[in-house]
Amino acid sequence: NGYKLKHRQFHLHMRKRFLTVRVTEHWHRLPREAVESPSLEVF
């Protein structure tokens, strides 16, 4: 789908704490209906 987030491998332990690094794998496991939901209420 067009809503994939880029997941990068980081060598610095500090960067692993960034929100974008932590959530990408969880985001890709969400069902398509949740990712493409038009609003937070539908999500």
C-alpha atoms as a PDB file:
ATOM      1  CA  ASN A   1       0.000   0.000   0.000  1.00  0.00           C
ATOM      2  CA  GLY A   2       1.070   3.627  -0.334  1.00  0.00           C
ATOM      3  CA  TYR A   3       1.232   4.246   3.400  1.00  0.00           C
ATOM      4  CA  LYS A   4       4.426   2.321   4.193  1.00  0.00           C
ATOM      5  CA  LEU A   5       6.913   4.008   6.487  1.00  0.00           C
ATOM      6  CA  LYS A   6      10.624   3.713   5.880  1.00  0.00           C
ATOM      7  CA  HIS A   7      12.452   1.675   8.495  1.00  0.00           C
ATOM      8  CA  ARG A   8      16.175   2.271   8.778  1.00  0.00           C
ATOM      9  CA  GLN A   9      18.750   0.320  10.695  1.00  0.00           C
ATOM     10  CA  PHE A  10      20.634   2.542  13.107  1.00  0.00           C
ATOM     11  CA  HIS A  11      23.967   1.787  14.664  1.00  0.00           C
ATOM     12  CA  LEU A  12      23.662   4.344  17.423  1.00  0.00           C
ATOM     13  CA  HIS A  13      21.732   3.129  20.443  1.00  0.00           C
ATOM     14  CA  MET A  14      20.405   6.640  21.064  1.00  0.00           C
ATOM     15  CA  ARG A  15      18.610   6.793  17.710  1.00  0.00           C
ATOM     16  CA  LYS A  16      16.682   3.609  18.465  1.00  0.00           C
ATOM     17  CA  ARG A  17      14.674   5.646  20.966  1.00  0.00           C
ATOM     18  CA  PHE A  18      13.217   7.932  18.270  1.00  0.00           C
ATOM     19  CA  LEU A  19       9.473   7.503  17.833  1.00  0.00           C
ATOM     20  CA  THR A  20       9.682   6.967  14.077  1.00  0.00           C
ATOM     21  CA  VAL A  21      12.171   4.142  14.509  1.00  0.00           C
ATOM     22  CA  ARG A  22      10.120   2.430  17.213  1.00  0.00           C
ATOM     23  CA  VAL A  23       6.711   2.543  15.509  1.00  0.00           C
ATOM     24  CA  THR A  24       7.438   1.571  11.896  1.00  0.00           C
ATOM     25  CA  GLU A  25       7.312  -2.183  12.484  1.00  0.00           C
ATOM     26  CA  HIS A  26       4.077  -1.866  14.467  1.00  0.00           C
ATOM     27  CA  TRP A  27       2.572   0.367  11.771  1.00  0.00           C
ATOM     28  CA  HIS A  28       3.258  -2.200   9.052  1.00  0.00           C
ATOM     29  CA  ARG A  29       1.482  -4.904  11.088  1.00  0.00           C
ATOM     30  CA  LEU A  30      -1.769  -2.920  11.216  1.00  0.00           C
ATOM     31  CA  PRO A  31      -4.605  -4.115   8.973  1.00  0.00           C
ATOM     32  CA  ARG A  32      -5.127  -2.121   5.784  1.00  0.00           C
ATOM     33  CA  GLU A  33      -8.512  -0.849   6.992  1.00  0.00           C
ATOM     34  CA  ALA A  34      -6.881   0.773  10.024  1.00  0.00           C
ATOM     35  CA  VAL A  35      -4.080   2.381   8.032  1.00  0.00           C
ATOM     36  CA  GLU A  36      -6.430   3.795   5.406  1.00  0.00           C
ATOM     37  CA  SER A  37      -9.071   4.996   7.867  1.00  0.00           C
ATOM     38  CA  PRO A  38     -10.204   8.551   7.108  1.00  0.00           C
ATOM     39  CA  SER A  39     -10.319   9.680  10.744  1.00  0.00           C
ATOM     40  CA  LEU A  40      -9.164   8.774  14.226  1.00  0.00           C
ATOM     41  CA  GLU A  41     -12.701   7.782  15.216  1.00  0.00           C
ATOM     42  CA  VAL A  42     -12.835   5.174  12.445  1.00  0.00           C
ATOM     43  CA  PHE A  43      -9.334   3.980  13.312  1.00  0.00           C
END
